[in-house]
Amino acid sequence: MNGELRQREKVMRTLEKPDTPILVGMQIFHNYVRPHEALNGKTPSEVAGIRVGGENKWLTLIQNASRSQLRVNKDTKSDNKGHYPD
């Protein structure tokens, strides 16, 4: 992944900021989308037993994250029952 970041940094200078979302996206791509030759064509997540289904893994990850966030928001609203945090 380090080599990938170096190549990307040559083209895109936004990596100068440590909190850039590009780093998180590259990490997700590296671990969940990109097959690795050293892992016999599997992603690190597949080797760890985490399977991301669908033809488009990016889309599946985004949909799962959206559903998860909706559940969190729904649970937070029902826990507060009209009360606002201090």
N, C-alpha and C. Protein backbone atom coordinates (compact mmCIF):
# COMPACT_ATOMS: atom_id res chain seq x y z
N MET A 1 0.82 -1.19 0.00
CA MET A 1 0.00 0.00 0.00
C MET A 1 0.87 1.26 0.00
N ASN A 2 2.04 1.18 0.61
CA ASN A 2 2.93 2.33 0.66
C ASN A 2 3.31 2.81 -0.74
N GLY A 3 3.62 1.87 -1.64
CA GLY A 3 3.96 2.23 -3.01
C GLY A 3 2.79 2.87 -3.73
N GLU A 4 1.59 2.38 -3.47
CA GLU A 4 0.39 2.97 -4.07
C GLU A 4 0.22 4.41 -3.62
N LEU A 5 0.45 4.66 -2.33
CA LEU A 5 0.31 6.02 -1.81
C LEU A 5 1.35 6.95 -2.43
N ARG A 6 2.57 6.47 -2.58
CA ARG A 6 3.62 7.30 -3.17
C ARG A 6 3.27 7.67 -4.61
N GLN A 7 2.78 6.70 -5.38
CA GLN A 7 2.40 6.99 -6.77
C GLN A 7 1.25 8.00 -6.81
N ARG A 8 0.29 7.84 -5.91
CA ARG A 8 -0.86 8.74 -5.88
C ARG A 8 -0.44 10.14 -5.47
N GLU A 9 0.50 10.23 -4.53
CA GLU A 9 0.93 11.53 -4.04
C GLU A 9 1.64 12.34 -5.14
N LYS A 10 2.30 11.66 -6.06
CA LYS A 10 2.95 12.35 -7.16
C LYS A 10 1.94 13.09 -8.02
N VAL A 11 0.76 12.51 -8.19
CA VAL A 11 -0.27 13.09 -9.04
C VAL A 11 -1.17 14.05 -8.28
N MET A 12 -1.46 13.73 -7.03
CA MET A 12 -2.46 14.48 -6.28
C MET A 12 -1.85 14.97 -4.96
N ARG A 13 -1.67 16.23 -4.82
CA ARG A 13 -1.00 16.79 -3.65
C ARG A 13 -1.89 16.94 -2.42
N THR A 14 -3.12 16.47 -2.45
CA THR A 14 -3.99 16.60 -1.29
C THR A 14 -3.58 15.69 -0.14
N LEU A 15 -2.64 14.81 -0.38
CA LEU A 15 -2.19 13.92 0.69
C LEU A 15 -1.31 14.64 1.70
N GLU A 16 -1.05 15.91 1.47
CA GLU A 16 -0.25 16.68 2.42
C GLU A 16 -1.00 16.89 3.73
N LYS A 17 -2.34 16.82 3.67
CA LYS A 17 -3.15 16.96 4.87
C LYS A 17 -3.39 15.56 5.47
N PRO A 18 -3.08 15.34 6.74
CA PRO A 18 -3.24 14.00 7.31
C PRO A 18 -4.69 13.53 7.47
N ASP A 19 -5.64 14.45 7.45
CA ASP A 19 -7.04 14.06 7.66
C ASP A 19 -7.81 13.96 6.34
N THR A 20 -7.13 13.84 5.22
CA THR A 20 -7.80 13.76 3.93
C THR A 20 -8.57 12.45 3.79
N PRO A 21 -9.80 12.49 3.25
CA PRO A 21 -10.59 11.27 3.09
C PRO A 21 -10.00 10.33 2.03
N ILE A 22 -9.08 10.83 1.22
CA ILE A 22 -8.47 9.98 0.19
C ILE A 22 -7.73 8.81 0.83
N LEU A 23 -7.06 9.05 1.95
CA LEU A 23 -6.33 7.98 2.62
C LEU A 23 -7.26 6.87 3.09
N VAL A 24 -8.41 7.24 3.62
CA VAL A 24 -9.38 6.24 4.08
C VAL A 24 -9.90 5.45 2.88
N GLY A 25 -10.20 6.15 1.79
CA GLY A 25 -10.68 5.48 0.58
C GLY A 25 -9.65 4.51 0.02
N MET A 26 -8.38 4.92 0.02
CA MET A 26 -7.32 4.03 -0.48
C MET A 26 -7.16 2.82 0.43
N GLN A 27 -7.31 3.02 1.72
CA GLN A 27 -7.21 1.92 2.66
C GLN A 27 -8.36 0.92 2.45
N ILE A 28 -9.55 1.42 2.24
CA ILE A 28 -10.71 0.55 1.97
C ILE A 28 -10.50 -0.21 0.67
N PHE A 29 -10.04 0.50 -0.37
CA PHE A 29 -9.76 -0.14 -1.65
C PHE A 29 -8.72 -1.25 -1.48
N HIS A 30 -7.65 -0.94 -0.77
CA HIS A 30 -6.56 -1.90 -0.57
C HIS A 30 -7.04 -3.15 0.18
N ASN A 31 -7.88 -2.97 1.18
CA ASN A 31 -8.28 -4.09 2.04
C ASN A 31 -9.53 -4.84 1.59
N TYR A 32 -10.43 -4.18 0.85
CA TYR A 32 -11.71 -4.80 0.53
C TYR A 32 -11.97 -5.00 -0.96
N VAL A 33 -11.28 -4.26 -1.83
CA VAL A 33 -11.61 -4.31 -3.25
C VAL A 33 -10.48 -4.92 -4.08
N ARG A 34 -9.27 -4.52 -3.84
CA ARG A 34 -8.13 -4.90 -4.68
C ARG A 34 -7.61 -6.30 -4.35
N PRO A 35 -7.62 -7.20 -5.33
CA PRO A 35 -7.04 -8.53 -5.10
C PRO A 35 -5.52 -8.43 -5.03
N HIS A 36 -4.93 -9.26 -4.19
CA HIS A 36 -3.48 -9.24 -3.99
C HIS A 36 -2.85 -10.51 -4.52
N GLU A 37 -1.80 -10.35 -5.28
CA GLU A 37 -1.10 -11.50 -5.85
C GLU A 37 -0.55 -12.41 -4.75
N ALA A 38 -0.02 -11.81 -3.70
CA ALA A 38 0.55 -12.59 -2.60
C ALA A 38 -0.51 -13.38 -1.82
N LEU A 39 -1.77 -13.01 -2.00
CA LEU A 39 -2.87 -13.70 -1.31
C LEU A 39 -3.67 -14.55 -2.30
N ASN A 40 -3.01 -14.98 -3.36
CA ASN A 40 -3.63 -15.82 -4.40
C ASN A 40 -4.88 -15.20 -4.99
N GLY A 41 -4.80 -13.90 -5.27
CA GLY A 41 -5.91 -13.22 -5.93
C GLY A 41 -7.05 -12.83 -5.00
N LYS A 42 -6.86 -12.98 -3.70
CA LYS A 42 -7.89 -12.59 -2.74
C LYS A 42 -7.56 -11.23 -2.14
N THR A 43 -8.57 -10.60 -1.57
CA THR A 43 -8.34 -9.36 -0.83
C THR A 43 -7.98 -9.72 0.61
N PRO A 44 -7.32 -8.81 1.34
CA PRO A 44 -7.05 -9.09 2.76
C PRO A 44 -8.32 -9.39 3.55
N SER A 45 -9.42 -8.72 3.21
CA SER A 45 -10.67 -8.98 3.93
C SER A 45 -11.17 -10.40 3.68
N GLU A 46 -11.03 -10.89 2.45
CA GLU A 46 -11.46 -12.26 2.15
C GLU A 46 -10.61 -13.27 2.92
N VAL A 47 -9.32 -13.01 3.02
CA VAL A 47 -8.44 -13.90 3.79
C VAL A 47 -8.84 -13.90 5.26
N ALA A 48 -9.31 -12.75 5.75
CA ALA A 48 -9.74 -12.64 7.14
C ALA A 48 -11.15 -13.18 7.36
N GLY A 49 -11.80 -13.62 6.28
CA GLY A 49 -13.14 -14.18 6.42
C GLY A 49 -14.26 -13.17 6.23
N ILE A 50 -13.93 -11.97 5.76
CA ILE A 50 -14.93 -10.93 5.52
C ILE A 50 -15.20 -10.89 4.02
N ARG A 51 -16.39 -11.26 3.63
CA ARG A 51 -16.73 -11.34 2.21
C ARG A 51 -17.59 -10.14 1.81
N VAL A 52 -17.21 -9.48 0.74
CA VAL A 52 -17.98 -8.39 0.18
C VAL A 52 -18.56 -8.89 -1.13
N GLY A 53 -19.88 -9.06 -1.18
CA GLY A 53 -20.52 -9.63 -2.36
C GLY A 53 -20.87 -8.60 -3.40
N GLY A 54 -21.38 -9.09 -4.50
CA GLY A 54 -21.83 -8.21 -5.58
C GLY A 54 -20.77 -8.03 -6.64
N GLU A 55 -21.22 -7.61 -7.82
CA GLU A 55 -20.29 -7.37 -8.92
C GLU A 55 -19.42 -6.15 -8.66
N ASN A 56 -20.00 -5.13 -8.05
CA ASN A 56 -19.29 -3.89 -7.77
C ASN A 56 -19.07 -3.79 -6.26
N LYS A 57 -17.87 -4.13 -5.81
CA LYS A 57 -17.59 -4.14 -4.38
C LYS A 57 -17.67 -2.75 -3.76
N TRP A 58 -17.26 -1.72 -4.51
CA TRP A 58 -17.37 -0.35 -4.01
C TRP A 58 -18.83 -0.02 -3.69
N LEU A 59 -19.72 -0.33 -4.62
CA LEU A 59 -21.13 -0.05 -4.43
C LEU A 59 -21.69 -0.81 -3.22
N THR A 60 -21.31 -2.07 -3.10
CA THR A 60 -21.77 -2.88 -1.96
C THR A 60 -21.30 -2.28 -0.64
N LEU A 61 -20.04 -1.85 -0.57
CA LEU A 61 -19.52 -1.24 0.65
C LEU A 61 -20.25 0.06 0.99
N ILE A 62 -20.52 0.87 -0.02
CA ILE A 62 -21.24 2.13 0.20
C ILE A 62 -22.66 1.86 0.67
N GLN A 63 -23.34 0.90 0.04
CA GLN A 63 -24.71 0.58 0.45
C GLN A 63 -24.74 0.04 1.88
N ASN A 64 -23.80 -0.83 2.22
CA ASN A 64 -23.76 -1.36 3.58
C ASN A 64 -23.48 -0.28 4.60
N ALA A 65 -22.58 0.65 4.27
CA ALA A 65 -22.27 1.75 5.19
C ALA A 65 -23.49 2.65 5.36
N SER A 66 -24.22 2.89 4.27
CA SER A 66 -25.42 3.72 4.35
C SER A 66 -26.48 3.08 5.21
N ARG A 67 -26.69 1.78 5.03
CA ARG A 67 -27.69 1.07 5.85
C ARG A 67 -27.28 1.09 7.32
N SER A 68 -26.00 0.89 7.58
CA SER A 68 -25.50 0.90 8.94
C SER A 68 -25.72 2.27 9.59
N GLN A 69 -25.44 3.33 8.84
CA GLN A 69 -25.62 4.68 9.35
C GLN A 69 -27.09 4.97 9.61
N LEU A 70 -27.98 4.49 8.75
CA LEU A 70 -29.42 4.68 8.96
C LEU A 70 -29.86 4.01 10.25
N ARG A 71 -29.33 2.79 10.51
CA ARG A 71 -29.68 2.08 11.74
C ARG A 71 -29.18 2.84 12.96
N VAL A 72 -27.97 3.37 12.89
CA VAL A 72 -27.41 4.13 14.01
C VAL A 72 -28.25 5.37 14.27
N ASN A 73 -28.60 6.09 13.20
CA ASN A 73 -29.42 7.28 13.37
C ASN A 73 -30.79 6.95 13.95
N LYS A 74 -31.40 5.87 13.50
CA LYS A 74 -32.71 5.46 13.99
C LYS A 74 -32.62 5.09 15.48
N ASP A 75 -31.59 4.33 15.85
CA ASP A 75 -31.41 3.95 17.25
C ASP A 75 -31.16 5.17 18.13
N THR A 76 -30.39 6.10 17.65
CA THR A 76 -30.10 7.31 18.42
C THR A 76 -31.36 8.11 18.65
N LYS A 77 -32.19 8.25 17.63
CA LYS A 77 -33.44 9.00 17.78
C LYS A 77 -34.38 8.32 18.76
N SER A 78 -34.48 6.99 18.71
CA SER A 78 -35.40 6.30 19.62
C SER A 78 -34.88 6.31 21.05
N ASP A 79 -33.54 6.36 21.22
CA ASP A 79 -32.98 6.43 22.57
C ASP A 79 -33.21 7.80 23.20
N ASN A 80 -33.15 8.84 22.39
CA ASN A 80 -33.30 10.20 22.92
C ASN A 80 -34.75 10.54 23.25
N LYS A 81 -35.69 10.01 22.51
CA LYS A 81 -37.12 10.24 22.71
C LYS A 81 -37.43 11.72 22.98
N GLY A 82 -36.88 12.56 22.09
CA GLY A 82 -37.19 13.98 22.20
C GLY A 82 -36.27 14.76 23.11
N HIS A 83 -35.39 14.09 23.82
CA HIS A 83 -34.46 14.79 24.70
C HIS A 83 -33.19 15.11 23.92
N TYR A 84 -32.69 16.28 24.16
CA TYR A 84 -31.47 16.71 23.49
C TYR A 84 -30.30 16.57 24.45
N PRO A 85 -29.14 16.16 23.93
CA PRO A 85 -27.98 16.03 24.81
C PRO A 85 -27.55 17.39 25.34
N ASP A 86 -26.99 17.39 26.54
CA ASP A 86 -26.52 18.65 27.14
C ASP A 86 -25.31 19.19 26.43
